[in-house]
Amino acid sequence: VESGGGLVQPGGSLRLSCVASGGI
């Protein structure tokens, strides 16, 4: 499951996250 996307101006920053469930 990913999160953290959005609208940002050029030169800006974002941090995406991805949480995993199941497996090792």
mmCIF file of all heavy atoms, coordinates in Angstrom:
data_MODEL
# 
_entry.id   MODEL 
# 
loop_
_atom_site.group_PDB 
_atom_site.id 
_atom_site.type_symbol 
_atom_site.label_atom_id 
_atom_site.label_alt_id 
_atom_site.label_comp_id 
_atom_site.label_asym_id 
_atom_site.label_entity_id 
_atom_site.label_seq_id 
_atom_site.pdbx_PDB_ins_code 
_atom_site.Cartn_x 
_atom_site.Cartn_y 
_atom_site.Cartn_z 
_atom_site.occupancy 
_atom_site.B_iso_or_equiv 
_atom_site.pdbx_formal_charge 
_atom_site.auth_seq_id 
_atom_site.auth_comp_id 
_atom_site.auth_asym_id 
_atom_site.auth_atom_id 
_atom_site.pdbx_PDB_model_num 
ATOM 1   N N   . VAL A 1 1  ? 0.854  -1.184  0.000   1.00 0.00 ? 1  VAL A N   1 
ATOM 2   C CA  . VAL A 1 1  ? 0.000  0.000   0.000   1.00 0.00 ? 1  VAL A CA  1 
ATOM 3   C C   . VAL A 1 1  ? 0.890  1.234   0.000   1.00 0.00 ? 1  VAL A C   1 
ATOM 4   O O   . VAL A 1 1  ? 1.648  1.467   0.954   1.00 0.00 ? 1  VAL A O   1 
ATOM 5   C CB  . VAL A 1 1  ? -0.942 0.022   1.205   1.00 0.00 ? 1  VAL A CB  1 
ATOM 6   C CG1 . VAL A 1 1  ? -1.787 1.299   1.187   1.00 0.00 ? 1  VAL A CG1 1 
ATOM 7   C CG2 . VAL A 1 1  ? -1.840 -1.209  1.219   1.00 0.00 ? 1  VAL A CG2 1 
ATOM 8   N N   . GLU A 1 2  ? 0.761  2.028   -1.068  1.00 0.00 ? 2  GLU A N   1 
ATOM 9   C CA  . GLU A 1 2  ? 1.546  3.249   -1.195  1.00 0.00 ? 2  GLU A CA  1 
ATOM 10  C C   . GLU A 1 2  ? 0.764  4.445   -0.648  1.00 0.00 ? 2  GLU A C   1 
ATOM 11  O O   . GLU A 1 2  ? -0.463 4.445   -0.645  1.00 0.00 ? 2  GLU A O   1 
ATOM 12  C CB  . GLU A 1 2  ? 1.896  3.537   -2.659  1.00 0.00 ? 2  GLU A CB  1 
ATOM 13  C CG  . GLU A 1 2  ? 2.649  2.456   -3.386  1.00 0.00 ? 2  GLU A CG  1 
ATOM 14  C CD  . GLU A 1 2  ? 1.753  1.597   -4.243  1.00 0.00 ? 2  GLU A CD  1 
ATOM 15  O OE1 . GLU A 1 2  ? 0.562  1.462   -3.907  1.00 0.00 ? 2  GLU A OE1 1 
ATOM 16  O OE2 . GLU A 1 2  ? 2.251  1.058   -5.261  1.00 0.00 ? 2  GLU A OE2 1 
ATOM 17  N N   . SER A 1 3  ? 1.515  5.460   -0.244  1.00 0.00 ? 3  SER A N   1 
ATOM 18  C CA  . SER A 1 3  ? 0.920  6.729   0.175   1.00 0.00 ? 3  SER A CA  1 
ATOM 19  C C   . SER A 1 3  ? 1.950  7.828   -0.004  1.00 0.00 ? 3  SER A C   1 
ATOM 20  O O   . SER A 1 3  ? 3.139  7.550   -0.226  1.00 0.00 ? 3  SER A O   1 
ATOM 21  C CB  . SER A 1 3  ? 0.456  6.664   1.630   1.00 0.00 ? 3  SER A CB  1 
ATOM 22  O OG  . SER A 1 3  ? 1.555  6.440   2.498   1.00 0.00 ? 3  SER A OG  1 
ATOM 23  N N   . GLY A 1 4  ? 1.479  9.076   0.088   1.00 0.00 ? 4  GLY A N   1 
ATOM 24  C CA  . GLY A 1 4  ? 2.393  10.207  0.067   1.00 0.00 ? 4  GLY A CA  1 
ATOM 25  C C   . GLY A 1 4  ? 2.398  11.009  -1.213  1.00 0.00 ? 4  GLY A C   1 
ATOM 26  O O   . GLY A 1 4  ? 3.077  12.039  -1.288  1.00 0.00 ? 4  GLY A O   1 
ATOM 27  N N   . GLY A 1 5  ? 1.669  10.562  -2.227  1.00 0.00 ? 5  GLY A N   1 
ATOM 28  C CA  . GLY A 1 5  ? 1.622  11.322  -3.459  1.00 0.00 ? 5  GLY A CA  1 
ATOM 29  C C   . GLY A 1 5  ? 0.817  12.601  -3.296  1.00 0.00 ? 5  GLY A C   1 
ATOM 30  O O   . GLY A 1 5  ? 0.195  12.847  -2.264  1.00 0.00 ? 5  GLY A O   1 
ATOM 31  N N   . GLY A 1 6  ? 0.857  13.429  -4.337  1.00 0.00 ? 6  GLY A N   1 
ATOM 32  C CA  . GLY A 1 6  ? 0.095  14.672  -4.300  1.00 0.00 ? 6  GLY A CA  1 
ATOM 33  C C   . GLY A 1 6  ? 0.572  15.637  -5.345  1.00 0.00 ? 6  GLY A C   1 
ATOM 34  O O   . GLY A 1 6  ? 1.337  15.288  -6.247  1.00 0.00 ? 6  GLY A O   1 
ATOM 35  N N   . LEU A 1 7  ? 0.099  16.872  -5.215  1.00 0.00 ? 7  LEU A N   1 
ATOM 36  C CA  . LEU A 1 7  ? 0.467  17.950  -6.126  1.00 0.00 ? 7  LEU A CA  1 
ATOM 37  C C   . LEU A 1 7  ? 1.553  18.791  -5.470  1.00 0.00 ? 7  LEU A C   1 
ATOM 38  O O   . LEU A 1 7  ? 1.412  19.212  -4.313  1.00 0.00 ? 7  LEU A O   1 
ATOM 39  C CB  . LEU A 1 7  ? -0.759 18.821  -6.421  1.00 0.00 ? 7  LEU A CB  1 
ATOM 40  C CG  . LEU A 1 7  ? -0.533 20.091  -7.224  1.00 0.00 ? 7  LEU A CG  1 
ATOM 41  C CD1 . LEU A 1 7  ? -0.029 19.762  -8.618  1.00 0.00 ? 7  LEU A CD1 1 
ATOM 42  C CD2 . LEU A 1 7  ? -1.823 20.914  -7.288  1.00 0.00 ? 7  LEU A CD2 1 
ATOM 43  N N   . VAL A 1 8  ? 2.624  19.049  -6.199  1.00 0.00 ? 8  VAL A N   1 
ATOM 44  C CA  . VAL A 1 8  ? 3.736  19.836  -5.664  1.00 0.00 ? 8  VAL A CA  1 
ATOM 45  C C   . VAL A 1 8  ? 4.272  20.734  -6.767  1.00 0.00 ? 8  VAL A C   1 
ATOM 46  O O   . VAL A 1 8  ? 4.207  20.390  -7.955  1.00 0.00 ? 8  VAL A O   1 
ATOM 47  C CB  . VAL A 1 8  ? 4.832  18.901  -5.106  1.00 0.00 ? 8  VAL A CB  1 
ATOM 48  C CG1 . VAL A 1 8  ? 5.431  18.041  -6.192  1.00 0.00 ? 8  VAL A CG1 1 
ATOM 49  C CG2 . VAL A 1 8  ? 5.904  19.681  -4.364  1.00 0.00 ? 8  VAL A CG2 1 
ATOM 50  N N   . GLN A 1 9  ? 4.779  21.880  -6.390  1.00 0.00 ? 9  GLN A N   1 
ATOM 51  C CA  . GLN A 1 9  ? 5.352  22.803  -7.360  1.00 0.00 ? 9  GLN A CA  1 
ATOM 52  C C   . GLN A 1 9  ? 6.749  22.328  -7.781  1.00 0.00 ? 9  GLN A C   1 
ATOM 53  O O   . GLN A 1 9  ? 7.426  21.630  -7.022  1.00 0.00 ? 9  GLN A O   1 
ATOM 54  C CB  . GLN A 1 9  ? 5.441  24.204  -6.764  1.00 0.00 ? 9  GLN A CB  1 
ATOM 55  C CG  . GLN A 1 9  ? 4.097  24.850  -6.532  1.00 0.00 ? 9  GLN A CG  1 
ATOM 56  C CD  . GLN A 1 9  ? 4.232  26.298  -6.096  1.00 0.00 ? 9  GLN A CD  1 
ATOM 57  O OE1 . GLN A 1 9  ? 5.302  26.742  -5.667  1.00 0.00 ? 9  GLN A OE1 1 
ATOM 58  N NE2 . GLN A 1 9  ? 3.157  27.047  -6.200  1.00 0.00 ? 9  GLN A NE2 1 
ATOM 59  N N   . PRO A 1 10 ? 7.181  22.719  -8.971  1.00 0.00 ? 10 PRO A N   1 
ATOM 60  C CA  . PRO A 1 10 ? 8.553  22.396  -9.377  1.00 0.00 ? 10 PRO A CA  1 
ATOM 61  C C   . PRO A 1 10 ? 9.557  22.879  -8.345  1.00 0.00 ? 10 PRO A C   1 
ATOM 62  O O   . PRO A 1 10 ? 9.416  23.981  -7.796  1.00 0.00 ? 10 PRO A O   1 
ATOM 63  C CB  . PRO A 1 10 ? 8.705  23.154  -10.707 1.00 0.00 ? 10 PRO A CB  1 
ATOM 64  C CG  . PRO A 1 10 ? 7.323  23.232  -11.249 1.00 0.00 ? 10 PRO A CG  1 
ATOM 65  C CD  . PRO A 1 10 ? 6.434  23.407  -10.043 1.00 0.00 ? 10 PRO A CD  1 
ATOM 66  N N   . GLY A 1 11 ? 10.550 22.023  -8.077  1.00 0.00 ? 11 GLY A N   1 
ATOM 67  C CA  . GLY A 1 11 ? 11.533 22.318  -7.050  1.00 0.00 ? 11 GLY A CA  1 
ATOM 68  C C   . GLY A 1 11 ? 11.154 21.833  -5.667  1.00 0.00 ? 11 GLY A C   1 
ATOM 69  O O   . GLY A 1 11 ? 11.986 21.854  -4.748  1.00 0.00 ? 11 GLY A O   1 
ATOM 70  N N   . GLY A 1 12 ? 9.933  21.386  -5.513  1.00 0.00 ? 12 GLY A N   1 
ATOM 71  C CA  . GLY A 1 12 ? 9.456  20.923  -4.218  1.00 0.00 ? 12 GLY A CA  1 
ATOM 72  C C   . GLY A 1 12 ? 9.859  19.487  -3.920  1.00 0.00 ? 12 GLY A C   1 
ATOM 73  O O   . GLY A 1 12 ? 10.574 18.842  -4.696  1.00 0.00 ? 12 GLY A O   1 
ATOM 74  N N   . SER A 1 13 ? 9.371  18.997  -2.767  1.00 0.00 ? 13 SER A N   1 
ATOM 75  C CA  . SER A 1 13 ? 9.725  17.656  -2.296  1.00 0.00 ? 13 SER A CA  1 
ATOM 76  C C   . SER A 1 13 ? 8.473  16.895  -1.885  1.00 0.00 ? 13 SER A C   1 
ATOM 77  O O   . SER A 1 13 ? 7.472  17.490  -1.466  1.00 0.00 ? 13 SER A O   1 
ATOM 78  C CB  . SER A 1 13 ? 10.667 17.751  -1.092  1.00 0.00 ? 13 SER A CB  1 
ATOM 79  O OG  . SER A 1 13 ? 11.880 18.375  -1.438  1.00 0.00 ? 13 SER A OG  1 
ATOM 80  N N   . LEU A 1 14 ? 8.580  15.581  -1.995  1.00 0.00 ? 14 LEU A N   1 
ATOM 81  C CA  . LEU A 1 14 ? 7.562  14.667  -1.480  1.00 0.00 ? 14 LEU A CA  1 
ATOM 82  C C   . LEU A 1 14 ? 8.268  13.421  -0.964  1.00 0.00 ? 14 LEU A C   1 
ATOM 83  O O   . LEU A 1 14 ? 9.350  13.067  -1.463  1.00 0.00 ? 14 LEU A O   1 
ATOM 84  C CB  . LEU A 1 14 ? 6.567  14.245  -2.571  1.00 0.00 ? 14 LEU A CB  1 
ATOM 85  C CG  . LEU A 1 14 ? 5.468  15.198  -3.001  1.00 0.00 ? 14 LEU A CG  1 
ATOM 86  C CD1 . LEU A 1 14 ? 4.701  14.617  -4.173  1.00 0.00 ? 14 LEU A CD1 1 
ATOM 87  C CD2 . LEU A 1 14 ? 4.521  15.517  -1.851  1.00 0.00 ? 14 LEU A CD2 1 
ATOM 88  N N   . ARG A 1 15 ? 7.647  12.755  -0.006  1.00 0.00 ? 15 ARG A N   1 
ATOM 89  C CA  . ARG A 1 15 ? 8.150  11.456  0.431   1.00 0.00 ? 15 ARG A CA  1 
ATOM 90  C C   . ARG A 1 15 ? 7.046  10.426  0.270   1.00 0.00 ? 15 ARG A C   1 
ATOM 91  O O   . ARG A 1 15 ? 5.974  10.559  0.863   1.00 0.00 ? 15 ARG A O   1 
ATOM 92  C CB  . ARG A 1 15 ? 8.636  11.476  1.879   1.00 0.00 ? 15 ARG A CB  1 
ATOM 93  C CG  . ARG A 1 15 ? 9.336  10.174  2.257   1.00 0.00 ? 15 ARG A CG  1 
ATOM 94  C CD  . ARG A 1 15 ? 9.936  10.174  3.641   1.00 0.00 ? 15 ARG A CD  1 
ATOM 95  N NE  . ARG A 1 15 ? 8.964  9.885   4.676   1.00 0.00 ? 15 ARG A NE  1 
ATOM 96  C CZ  . ARG A 1 15 ? 9.261  9.340   5.856   1.00 0.00 ? 15 ARG A CZ  1 
ATOM 97  N NH1 . ARG A 1 15 ? 10.525 9.027   6.131   1.00 0.00 ? 15 ARG A NH1 1 
ATOM 98  N NH2 . ARG A 1 15 ? 8.316  9.140   6.753   1.00 0.00 ? 15 ARG A NH2 1 
ATOM 99  N N   . LEU A 1 16 ? 7.323  9.428   -0.538  1.00 0.00 ? 16 LEU A N   1 
ATOM 100 C CA  . LEU A 1 16 ? 6.393  8.322   -0.718  1.00 0.00 ? 16 LEU A CA  1 
ATOM 101 C C   . LEU A 1 16 ? 6.723  7.211   0.269   1.00 0.00 ? 16 LEU A C   1 
ATOM 102 O O   . LEU A 1 16 ? 7.889  6.983   0.592   1.00 0.00 ? 16 LEU A O   1 
ATOM 103 C CB  . LEU A 1 16 ? 6.473  7.779   -2.141  1.00 0.00 ? 16 LEU A CB  1 
ATOM 104 C CG  . LEU A 1 16 ? 6.293  8.778   -3.278  1.00 0.00 ? 16 LEU A CG  1 
ATOM 105 C CD1 . LEU A 1 16 ? 6.314  8.045   -4.617  1.00 0.00 ? 16 LEU A CD1 1 
ATOM 106 C CD2 . LEU A 1 16 ? 5.025  9.584   -3.114  1.00 0.00 ? 16 LEU A CD2 1 
ATOM 107 N N   . SER A 1 17 ? 5.679  6.538   0.720   1.00 0.00 ? 17 SER A N   1 
ATOM 108 C CA  . SER A 1 17 ? 5.837  5.393   1.608   1.00 0.00 ? 17 SER A CA  1 
ATOM 109 C C   . SER A 1 17 ? 5.103  4.201   1.019   1.00 0.00 ? 17 SER A C   1 
ATOM 110 O O   . SER A 1 17 ? 4.080  4.350   0.344   1.00 0.00 ? 17 SER A O   1 
ATOM 111 C CB  . SER A 1 17 ? 5.262  5.693   2.992   1.00 0.00 ? 17 SER A CB  1 
ATOM 112 O OG  . SER A 1 17 ? 5.909  6.781   3.602   1.00 0.00 ? 17 SER A OG  1 
ATOM 113 N N   . CYS A 1 18 ? 5.604  3.023   1.307   1.00 0.00 ? 18 CYS A N   1 
ATOM 114 C CA  . CYS A 1 18 ? 4.962  1.780   0.875   1.00 0.00 ? 18 CYS A CA  1 
ATOM 115 C C   . CYS A 1 18 ? 5.069  0.788   2.022   1.00 0.00 ? 18 CYS A C   1 
ATOM 116 O O   . CYS A 1 18 ? 6.184  0.413   2.412   1.00 0.00 ? 18 CYS A O   1 
ATOM 117 C CB  . CYS A 1 18 ? 5.624  1.231   -0.373  1.00 0.00 ? 18 CYS A CB  1 
ATOM 118 S SG  . CYS A 1 18 ? 5.087  -0.425  -0.845  1.00 0.00 ? 18 CYS A SG  1 
ATOM 119 N N   . VAL A 1 19 ? 3.924  0.395   2.541   1.00 0.00 ? 19 VAL A N   1 
ATOM 120 C CA  . VAL A 1 19 ? 3.875  -0.553  3.646   1.00 0.00 ? 19 VAL A CA  1 
ATOM 121 C C   . VAL A 1 19 ? 3.519  -1.929  3.102   1.00 0.00 ? 19 VAL A C   1 
ATOM 122 O O   . VAL A 1 19 ? 2.546  -2.074  2.350   1.00 0.00 ? 19 VAL A O   1 
ATOM 123 C CB  . VAL A 1 19 ? 2.856  -0.129  4.713   1.00 0.00 ? 19 VAL A CB  1 
ATOM 124 C CG1 . VAL A 1 19 ? 2.814  -1.149  5.838   1.00 0.00 ? 19 VAL A CG1 1 
ATOM 125 C CG2 . VAL A 1 19 ? 3.201  1.248   5.255   1.00 0.00 ? 19 VAL A CG2 1 
ATOM 126 N N   . ALA A 1 20 ? 4.300  -2.918  3.496   1.00 0.00 ? 20 ALA A N   1 
ATOM 127 C CA  . ALA A 1 20 ? 4.075  -4.297  3.052   1.00 0.00 ? 20 ALA A CA  1 
ATOM 128 C C   . ALA A 1 20 ? 3.473  -5.130  4.168   1.00 0.00 ? 20 ALA A C   1 
ATOM 129 O O   . ALA A 1 20 ? 3.829  -4.967  5.337   1.00 0.00 ? 20 ALA A O   1 
ATOM 130 C CB  . ALA A 1 20 ? 5.394  -4.920  2.604   1.00 0.00 ? 20 ALA A CB  1 
ATOM 131 N N   . SER A 1 21 ? 2.567  -6.018  3.795   1.00 0.00 ? 21 SER A N   1 
ATOM 132 C CA  . SER A 1 21 ? 2.026  -6.980  4.747   1.00 0.00 ? 21 SER A CA  1 
ATOM 133 C C   . SER A 1 21 ? 2.079  -8.364  4.108   1.00 0.00 ? 21 SER A C   1 
ATOM 134 O O   . SER A 1 21 ? 1.843  -8.514  2.909   1.00 0.00 ? 21 SER A O   1 
ATOM 135 C CB  . SER A 1 21 ? 0.589  -6.632  5.131   1.00 0.00 ? 21 SER A CB  1 
ATOM 136 O OG  . SER A 1 21 ? -0.234 -6.584  3.987   1.00 0.00 ? 21 SER A OG  1 
ATOM 137 N N   . GLY A 1 22 ? 2.427  -9.362  4.935   1.00 0.00 ? 22 GLY A N   1 
ATOM 138 C CA  . GLY A 1 22 ? 2.587  -10.716 4.410   1.00 0.00 ? 22 GLY A CA  1 
ATOM 139 C C   . GLY A 1 22 ? 4.021  -10.942 3.979   1.00 0.00 ? 22 GLY A C   1 
ATOM 140 O O   . GLY A 1 22 ? 4.685  -10.024 3.520   1.00 0.00 ? 22 GLY A O   1 
ATOM 141 N N   . GLY A 1 23 ? 4.490  -12.134 4.099   1.00 0.00 ? 23 GLY A N   1 
ATOM 142 C CA  . GLY A 1 23 ? 5.842  -12.443 3.696   1.00 0.00 ? 23 GLY A CA  1 
ATOM 143 C C   . GLY A 1 23 ? 6.884  -11.937 4.676   1.00 0.00 ? 23 GLY A C   1 
ATOM 144 O O   . GLY A 1 23 ? 6.563  -11.400 5.745   1.00 0.00 ? 23 GLY A O   1 
ATOM 145 N N   . ILE A 1 24 ? 8.128  -12.099 4.320   1.00 0.00 ? 24 ILE A N   1 
ATOM 146 C CA  . ILE A 1 24 ? 9.246  -11.654 5.147   1.00 0.00 ? 24 ILE A CA  1 
ATOM 147 C C   . ILE A 1 24 ? 9.873  -10.463 4.449   1.00 0.00 ? 24 ILE A C   1 
ATOM 148 O O   . ILE A 1 24 ? 10.618 -10.604 3.471   1.00 0.00 ? 24 ILE A O   1 
ATOM 149 C CB  . ILE A 1 24 ? 10.267 -12.788 5.352   1.00 0.00 ? 24 ILE A CB  1 
ATOM 150 C CG1 . ILE A 1 24 ? 9.578  -14.000 5.994   1.00 0.00 ? 24 ILE A CG1 1 
ATOM 151 C CG2 . ILE A 1 24 ? 11.418 -12.290 6.230   1.00 0.00 ? 24 ILE A CG2 1 
ATOM 152 C CD1 . ILE A 1 24 ? 10.452 -15.210 6.107   1.00 0.00 ? 24 ILE A CD1 1 
# 
